[in-house]
Every structure is written in structure tokens, then in C-alpha cells.
PDB file of N, CA and C in Angstrom:
ATOM      1  N   MET A   1      24.834  68.956 213.781  1.00  0.00           N
ATOM      2  CA  MET A   1      24.446  70.081 214.519  1.00  0.00           C
ATOM      3  C   MET A   1      22.971  70.575 214.292  1.00  0.00           C
ATOM      4  N   SER A   2      22.258  70.839 215.359  1.00  0.00           N
ATOM      5  CA  SER A   2      20.899  71.218 215.217  1.00  0.00           C
ATOM      6  C   SER A   2      20.803  72.738 215.355  1.00  0.00           C
ATOM      7  N   THR A   3      19.837  73.366 214.673  1.00  0.00           N
ATOM      8  CA  THR A   3      19.605  74.810 214.785  1.00  0.00           C
ATOM      9  C   THR A   3      18.100  75.033 215.054  1.00  0.00           C
ATOM     10  N   SER A   4      17.861  76.162 215.582  1.00  0.00           N
ATOM     11  CA  SER A   4      16.516  76.661 215.801  1.00  0.00           C
ATOM     12  C   SER A   4      16.396  78.076 215.257  1.00  0.00           C
ATOM     13  N   ALA A   5      15.310  78.465 214.815  1.00  0.00           N
ATOM     14  CA  ALA A   5      15.102  79.728 214.124  1.00  0.00           C
ATOM     15  C   ALA A   5      13.914  80.546 214.826  1.00  0.00           C
ATOM     16  N   VAL A   6      14.079  81.805 214.808  1.00  0.00           N
ATOM     17  CA  VAL A   6      13.027  82.729 215.349  1.00  0.00           C
ATOM     18  C   VAL A   6      12.949  83.864 214.375  1.00  0.00           C
ATOM     19  N   GLU A   7      11.726  84.350 214.210  1.00  0.00           N
ATOM     20  CA  GLU A   7      11.505  85.522 213.262  1.00  0.00           C
ATOM     21  C   GLU A   7      11.828  86.807 213.989  1.00  0.00           C
ATOM     22  N   VAL A   8      12.703  87.608 213.436  1.00  0.00           N
ATOM     23  CA  VAL A   8      13.000  88.898 213.974  1.00  0.00           C
ATOM     24  C   VAL A   8      12.922  89.887 212.878  1.00  0.00           C
ATOM     25  N   SER A   9      11.891  90.821 212.901  1.00  0.00           N
ATOM     26  CA  SER A   9      11.615  91.783 211.985  1.00  0.00           C
ATOM     27  C   SER A   9      11.422  91.136 210.693  1.00  0.00           C
ATOM     28  N   GLY A  10      10.718  90.035 210.563  1.00  0.00           N
ATOM     29  CA  GLY A  10      10.444  89.351 209.298  1.00  0.00           C
ATOM     30  C   GLY A  10      11.601  88.483 208.861  1.00  0.00           C
ATOM     31  N   GLU A  11      12.762  88.541 209.434  1.00  0.00           N
ATOM     32  CA  GLU A  11      13.841  87.611 209.066  1.00  0.00           C
ATOM     33  C   GLU A  11      14.043  86.592 210.003  1.00  0.00           C
ATOM     34  N   LYS A  12      14.463  85.412 209.469  1.00  0.00           N
ATOM     35  CA  LYS A  12      14.705  84.208 210.347  1.00  0.00           C
ATOM     36  C   LYS A  12      16.269  84.443 210.917  1.00  0.00           C
ATOM     37  N   VAL A  13      16.339  84.286 212.206  1.00  0.00           N
ATOM     38  CA  VAL A  13      17.708  84.377 212.842  1.00  0.00           C
ATOM     39  C   VAL A  13      17.873  83.045 213.443  1.00  0.00           C
ATOM     40  N   LYS A  14      18.979  82.268 212.923  1.00  0.00           N
ATOM     41  CA  LYS A  14      19.213  80.962 213.511  1.00  0.00           C
ATOM     42  C   LYS A  14      20.143  81.018 214.736  1.00  0.00           C
ATOM     43  N   ALA A  15      19.863  80.260 215.698  1.00  0.00           N
ATOM     44  CA  ALA A  15      20.759  80.042 216.853  1.00  0.00           C
ATOM     45  C   ALA A  15      21.641  78.847 216.509  1.00  0.00           C
ATOM     46  N   MET A  16      22.943  79.152 216.579  1.00  0.00           N
ATOM     47  CA  MET A  16      23.845  78.001 216.238  1.00  0.00           C
ATOM     48  C   MET A  16      24.216  77.271 217.558  1.00  0.00           C
ATOM     49  N   TRP A  17      23.948  75.950 217.657  1.00  0.00           N
ATOM     50  CA  TRP A  17      24.216  75.206 218.789  1.00  0.00           C
ATOM     51  C   TRP A  17      25.450  74.232 218.608  1.00  0.00           C
ATOM     52  N   ASP A  18      26.217  74.215 219.645  1.00  0.00           N
ATOM     53  CA  ASP A  18      27.348  73.296 219.552  1.00  0.00           C
ATOM     54  C   ASP A  18      27.212  72.343 220.943  1.00  0.00           C
ATOM     55  N   LYS A  19      28.162  71.418 221.014  1.00  0.00           N
ATOM     56  CA  LYS A  19      27.971  70.618 222.206  1.00  0.00           C
ATOM     57  C   LYS A  19      28.089  71.327 223.550  1.00  0.00           C
ATOM     58  N   ARG A  20      29.005  72.258 223.592  1.00  0.00           N
ATOM     59  CA  ARG A  20      29.069  73.033 224.871  1.00  0.00           C
ATOM     60  C   ARG A  20      27.939  73.786 225.211  1.00  0.00           C
ATOM     61  N   LEU A  21      27.269  74.414 224.238  1.00  0.00           N
ATOM     62  CA  LEU A  21      26.121  75.259 224.480  1.00  0.00           C
ATOM     63  C   LEU A  21      25.008  74.381 224.918  1.00  0.00           C
ATOM     64  N   THR A  22      24.870  73.247 224.272  1.00  0.00           N
ATOM     65  CA  THR A  22      23.770  72.297 224.593  1.00  0.00           C
ATOM     66  C   THR A  22      23.979  71.758 225.999  1.00  0.00           C
ATOM     67  N   GLU A  23      25.195  71.496 226.424  1.00  0.00           N
ATOM     68  CA  GLU A  23      25.505  71.001 227.848  1.00  0.00           C
ATOM     69  C   GLU A  23      25.178  72.071 228.778  1.00  0.00           C
ATOM     70  N   ILE A  24      25.581  73.350 228.515  1.00  0.00           N
ATOM     71  CA  ILE A  24      25.236  74.432 229.436  1.00  0.00           C
ATOM     72  C   ILE A  24      23.707  74.521 229.593  1.00  0.00           C
ATOM     73  N   PHE A  25      23.060  74.607 228.509  1.00  0.00           N
ATOM     74  CA  PHE A  25      21.551  74.781 228.503  1.00  0.00           C
ATOM     75  C   PHE A  25      20.814  73.577 229.310  1.00  0.00           C
ATOM     76  N   CYS A  26      21.356  72.371 229.026  1.00  0.00           N
ATOM     77  CA  CYS A  26      20.765  71.177 229.818  1.00  0.00           C
ATOM     78  C   CYS A  26      20.993  71.388 231.327  1.00  0.00           C
ATOM     79  N   ASP A  27      22.145  71.675 231.742  1.00  0.00           N
ATOM     80  CA  ASP A  27      22.532  72.013 233.124  1.00  0.00           C
ATOM     81  C   ASP A  27      21.703  73.049 233.762  1.00  0.00           C
ATOM     82  N   ILE A  28      21.378  74.109 233.059  1.00  0.00           N
ATOM     83  CA  ILE A  28      20.571  75.191 233.558  1.00  0.00           C
ATOM     84  C   ILE A  28      19.147  74.720 233.751  1.00  0.00           C
ATOM     85  N   CYS A  29      18.695  73.898 232.686  1.00  0.00           N
ATOM     86  CA  CYS A  29      17.336  73.417 232.794  1.00  0.00           C
ATOM     87  C   CYS A  29      17.213  72.456 234.027  1.00  0.00           C
ATOM     88  N   ILE A  30      18.134  71.601 234.234  1.00  0.00           N
ATOM     89  CA  ILE A  30      18.179  70.666 235.400  1.00  0.00           C
ATOM     90  C   ILE A  30      18.081  71.363 236.656  1.00  0.00           C
ATOM     91  N   LYS A  31      18.847  72.459 236.807  1.00  0.00           N
ATOM     92  CA  LYS A  31      18.896  73.328 238.058  1.00  0.00           C
ATOM     93  C   LYS A  31      17.477  73.930 238.270  1.00  0.00           C
ATOM     94  N   GLU A  32      16.810  74.415 237.229  1.00  0.00           N
ATOM     95  CA  GLU A  32      15.533  75.021 237.361  1.00  0.00           C
ATOM     96  C   GLU A  32      14.469  73.947 237.741  1.00  0.00           C
ATOM     97  N   ILE A  33      14.539  72.685 237.154  1.00  0.00           N
ATOM     98  CA  ILE A  33      13.705  71.673 237.509  1.00  0.00           C
ATOM     99  C   ILE A  33      13.743  71.332 239.126  1.00  0.00           C
ATOM    100  N   LEU A  34      15.058  71.351 239.449  1.00  0.00           N
ATOM    101  CA  LEU A  34      15.209  71.090 240.839  1.00  0.00           C
ATOM    102  C   LEU A  34      14.779  72.078 241.844  1.00  0.00           C
ATOM    103  N   LYS A  35      14.633  73.335 241.257  1.00  0.00           N
ATOM    104  CA  LYS A  35      14.156  74.429 242.055  1.00  0.00           C
ATOM    105  C   LYS A  35      12.581  74.524 241.974  1.00  0.00           C
ATOM    106  N   ASP A  36      11.993  73.454 241.424  1.00  0.00           N
ATOM    107  CA  ASP A  36      10.447  73.514 241.165  1.00  0.00           C
ATOM    108  C   ASP A  36       9.987  74.593 240.234  1.00  0.00           C
ATOM    109  N   ASN A  37      10.753  74.932 239.260  1.00  0.00           N
ATOM    110  CA  ASN A  37      10.276  75.876 238.268  1.00  0.00           C
ATOM    111  C   ASN A  37       9.658  75.176 237.092  1.00  0.00           C
ATOM    112  N   ARG A  38       9.429  73.923 237.229  1.00  0.00           N
ATOM    113  CA  ARG A  38       8.778  73.110 236.169  1.00  0.00           C
ATOM    114  C   ARG A  38       7.877  72.129 236.836  1.00  0.00           C
ATOM    115  N   PRO A  39       6.711  72.608 237.314  1.00  0.00           N
ATOM    116  CA  PRO A  39       5.754  71.970 238.054  1.00  0.00           C
ATOM    117  C   PRO A  39       5.083  70.691 237.356  1.00  0.00           C
ATOM    118  N   GLY A  40       5.021  70.797 236.091  1.00  0.00           N
ATOM    119  CA  GLY A  40       4.317  69.749 235.350  1.00  0.00           C
ATOM    120  C   GLY A  40       5.301  69.428 234.181  1.00  0.00           C
ATOM    121  N   THR A  41       4.725  69.604 232.927  1.00  0.00           N
ATOM    122  CA  THR A  41       5.572  69.367 231.848  1.00  0.00           C
ATOM    123  C   THR A  41       6.202  70.581 231.151  1.00  0.00           C
ATOM    124  N   HIS A  42       5.822  71.854 231.693  1.00  0.00           N
ATOM    125  CA  HIS A  42       6.383  73.068 231.221  1.00  0.00           C
ATOM    126  C   HIS A  42       7.074  73.899 232.230  1.00  0.00           C
ATOM    127  N   PHE A  43       8.103  74.626 231.813  1.00  0.00           N
ATOM    128  CA  PHE A  43       8.706  75.590 232.730  1.00  0.00           C
ATOM    129  C   PHE A  43       7.754  76.808 233.038  1.00  0.00           C
ATOM    130  N   THR A  44       7.798  77.334 234.291  1.00  0.00           N
ATOM    131  CA  THR A  44       7.083  78.512 234.557  1.00  0.00           C
ATOM    132  C   THR A  44       7.637  79.675 233.981  1.00  0.00           C
ATOM    133  N   LYS A  45       6.927  80.893 233.893  1.00  0.00           N
ATOM    134  CA  LYS A  45       7.490  82.023 233.362  1.00  0.00           C
ATOM    135  C   LYS A  45       8.730  82.408 234.021  1.00  0.00           C
ATOM    136  N   ASP A  46       8.699  82.357 235.324  1.00  0.00           N
ATOM    137  CA  ASP A  46       9.960  82.703 236.171  1.00  0.00           C
ATOM    138  C   ASP A  46      11.023  81.750 235.832  1.00  0.00           C
ATOM    139  N   GLY A  47      10.747  80.370 235.563  1.00  0.00           N
ATOM    140  CA  GLY A  47      11.725  79.380 235.244  1.00  0.00           C
ATOM    141  C   GLY A  47      12.405  79.762 233.922  1.00  0.00           C
ATOM    142  N   TRP A  48      11.548  80.172 232.870  1.00  0.00           N
ATOM    143  CA  TRP A  48      12.180  80.625 231.640  1.00  0.00           C
ATOM    144  C   TRP A  48      13.017  81.784 231.759  1.00  0.00           C
ATOM    145  N   LEU A  49      12.640  82.775 232.600  1.00  0.00           N
ATOM    146  CA  LEU A  49      13.353  84.049 232.695  1.00  0.00           C
ATOM    147  C   LEU A  49      14.689  83.610 233.316  1.00  0.00           C
ATOM    148  N   LYS A  50      14.767  82.743 234.310  1.00  0.00           N
ATOM    149  CA  LYS A  50      16.008  82.402 234.925  1.00  0.00           C
ATOM    150  C   LYS A  50      16.830  81.583 233.908  1.00  0.00           C
ATOM    151  N   ILE A  51      16.256  80.699 233.167  1.00  0.00           N
ATOM    152  CA  ILE A  51      17.005  79.966 232.095  1.00  0.00           C
ATOM    153  C   ILE A  51      17.702  80.964 231.144  1.00  0.00           C
ATOM    154  N   MET A  52      16.910  81.908 230.602  1.00  0.00           N
ATOM    155  CA  MET A  52      17.405  82.867 229.661  1.00  0.00           C
ATOM    156  C   MET A  52      18.550  83.717 230.293  1.00  0.00           C
ATOM    157  N   THR A  53      18.329  84.139 231.533  1.00  0.00           N
ATOM    158  CA  THR A  53      19.319  85.034 232.231  1.00  0.00           C
ATOM    159  C   THR A  53      20.614  84.253 232.458  1.00  0.00           C
ATOM    160  N   ASN A  54      20.483  83.026 232.967  1.00  0.00           N
ATOM    161  CA  ASN A  54      21.728  82.280 233.263  1.00  0.00           C
ATOM    162  C   ASN A  54      22.468  81.791 232.121  1.00  0.00           C
ATOM    163  N   PHE A  55      21.632  81.428 230.978  1.00  0.00           N
ATOM    164  CA  PHE A  55      22.263  81.116 229.784  1.00  0.00           C
ATOM    165  C   PHE A  55      23.145  82.153 229.268  1.00  0.00           C
ATOM    166  N   GLU A  56      22.623  83.422 229.241  1.00  0.00           N
ATOM    167  CA  GLU A  56      23.265  84.505 228.648  1.00  0.00           C
ATOM    168  C   GLU A  56      24.555  84.863 229.565  1.00  0.00           C
ATOM    169  N   LYS A  57      24.349  84.694 230.883  1.00  0.00           N
ATOM    170  CA  LYS A  57      25.481  84.893 231.926  1.00  0.00           C
ATOM    171  C   LYS A  57      26.636  83.972 231.597  1.00  0.00           C
ATOM    172  N   GLU A  58      26.313  82.662 231.303  1.00  0.00           N
ATOM    173  CA  GLU A  58      27.423  81.609 231.210  1.00  0.00           C
ATOM    174  C   GLU A  58      27.984  81.553 229.833  1.00  0.00           C
ATOM    175  N   THR A  59      27.212  81.951 228.772  1.00  0.00           N
ATOM    176  CA  THR A  59      27.651  81.814 227.415  1.00  0.00           C
ATOM    177  C   THR A  59      27.948  83.088 226.708  1.00  0.00           C
ATOM    178  N   GLY A  60      27.399  84.160 227.220  1.00  0.00           N
ATOM    179  CA  GLY A  60      27.548  85.484 226.531  1.00  0.00           C
ATOM    180  C   GLY A  60      26.581  85.572 225.327  1.00  0.00           C
ATOM    181  N   LYS A  61      25.723  84.560 225.072  1.00  0.00           N
ATOM    182  CA  LYS A  61      24.843  84.571 224.007  1.00  0.00           C
ATOM    183  C   LYS A  61      23.407  84.841 224.445  1.00  0.00           C
ATOM    184  N   CYS A  62      22.726  85.778 223.743  1.00  0.00           N
ATOM    185  CA  CYS A  62      21.478  86.172 224.111  1.00  0.00           C
ATOM    186  C   CYS A  62      20.366  85.566 223.203  1.00  0.00           C
ATOM    187  N   PHE A  63      19.951  84.288 223.452  1.00  0.00           N
ATOM    188  CA  PHE A  63      18.974  83.598 222.702  1.00  0.00           C
ATOM    189  C   PHE A  63      17.533  83.873 223.389  1.00  0.00           C
ATOM    190  N   SER A  64      16.473  84.052 222.474  1.00  0.00           N
ATOM    191  CA  SER A  64      15.217  84.267 222.863  1.00  0.00           C
ATOM    192  C   SER A  64      14.715  82.924 223.530  1.00  0.00           C
ATOM    193  N   GLN A  65      13.550  83.123 224.195  1.00  0.00           N
ATOM    194  CA  GLN A  65      12.941  81.870 224.781  1.00  0.00           C
ATOM    195  C   GLN A  65      12.544  80.979 223.673  1.00  0.00           C
ATOM    196  N   ARG A  66      12.068  81.461 222.665  1.00  0.00           N
ATOM    197  CA  ARG A  66      11.646  80.670 221.533  1.00  0.00           C
ATOM    198  C   ARG A  66      12.830  79.775 221.046  1.00  0.00           C
ATOM    199  N   GLN A  67      13.942  80.463 220.960  1.00  0.00           N
ATOM    200  CA  GLN A  67      15.203  79.713 220.334  1.00  0.00           C
ATOM    201  C   GLN A  67      15.590  78.618 221.397  1.00  0.00           C
ATOM    202  N   LEU A  68      15.453  78.875 222.665  1.00  0.00           N
ATOM    203  CA  LEU A  68      15.774  77.977 223.617  1.00  0.00           C
ATOM    204  C   LEU A  68      14.829  76.771 223.591  1.00  0.00           C
ATOM    205  N   LYS A  69      13.476  77.202 223.599  1.00  0.00           N
ATOM    206  CA  LYS A  69      12.471  76.170 223.663  1.00  0.00           C
ATOM    207  C   LYS A  69      12.534  75.193 222.433  1.00  0.00           C
ATOM    208  N   ASN A  70      13.050  75.694 221.275  1.00  0.00           N
ATOM    209  CA  ASN A  70      13.104  74.819 220.131  1.00  0.00           C
ATOM    210  C   ASN A  70      14.336  73.941 220.141  1.00  0.00           C
ATOM    211  N   ARG A  71      15.224  74.173 221.139  1.00  0.00           N
ATOM    212  CA  ARG A  71      16.377  73.228 221.261  1.00  0.00           C
ATOM    213  C   ARG A  71      15.884  71.996 221.941  1.00  0.00           C
TER     214      ARG A  71
END
């Protein structure tokens, strides 16, 4: 299992990833790519906002953009 960490008030908070969360994240990213929210090699600001919103909606977990990017 892989983890990513982000600093929050000087403390590292780890995002715990399992197979289900990884699959949901990948599916959301694919949908955003198909909507042209990744014109080059990076997602647009709007693309990241939609990824974070949809990820929280589907999983109930509120990960930061940095935690998602590190996945």
C-alpha cells in the first residue's frame, strides 16, 4: 500500500490508499481527461477542483490536491 503526506499546521497527515480508493481516483481522472481538463501533461485548475469534489462525493474522504497529486 502506498501513502502520500501533506503538511497541515506543521504536522504530516498521511492519506491512506487502498485498491478501491485508487480505482475511484483513476476513474475520476480518466473522466476529466475525456472532458479536456488535461490539455497537456497537467490537469487544469478546474480539472483538479472537479477531481477533488468528485473524489469526496464518491468516497466521503476529503483529500487535498497535494495528497491526490502524490498518488
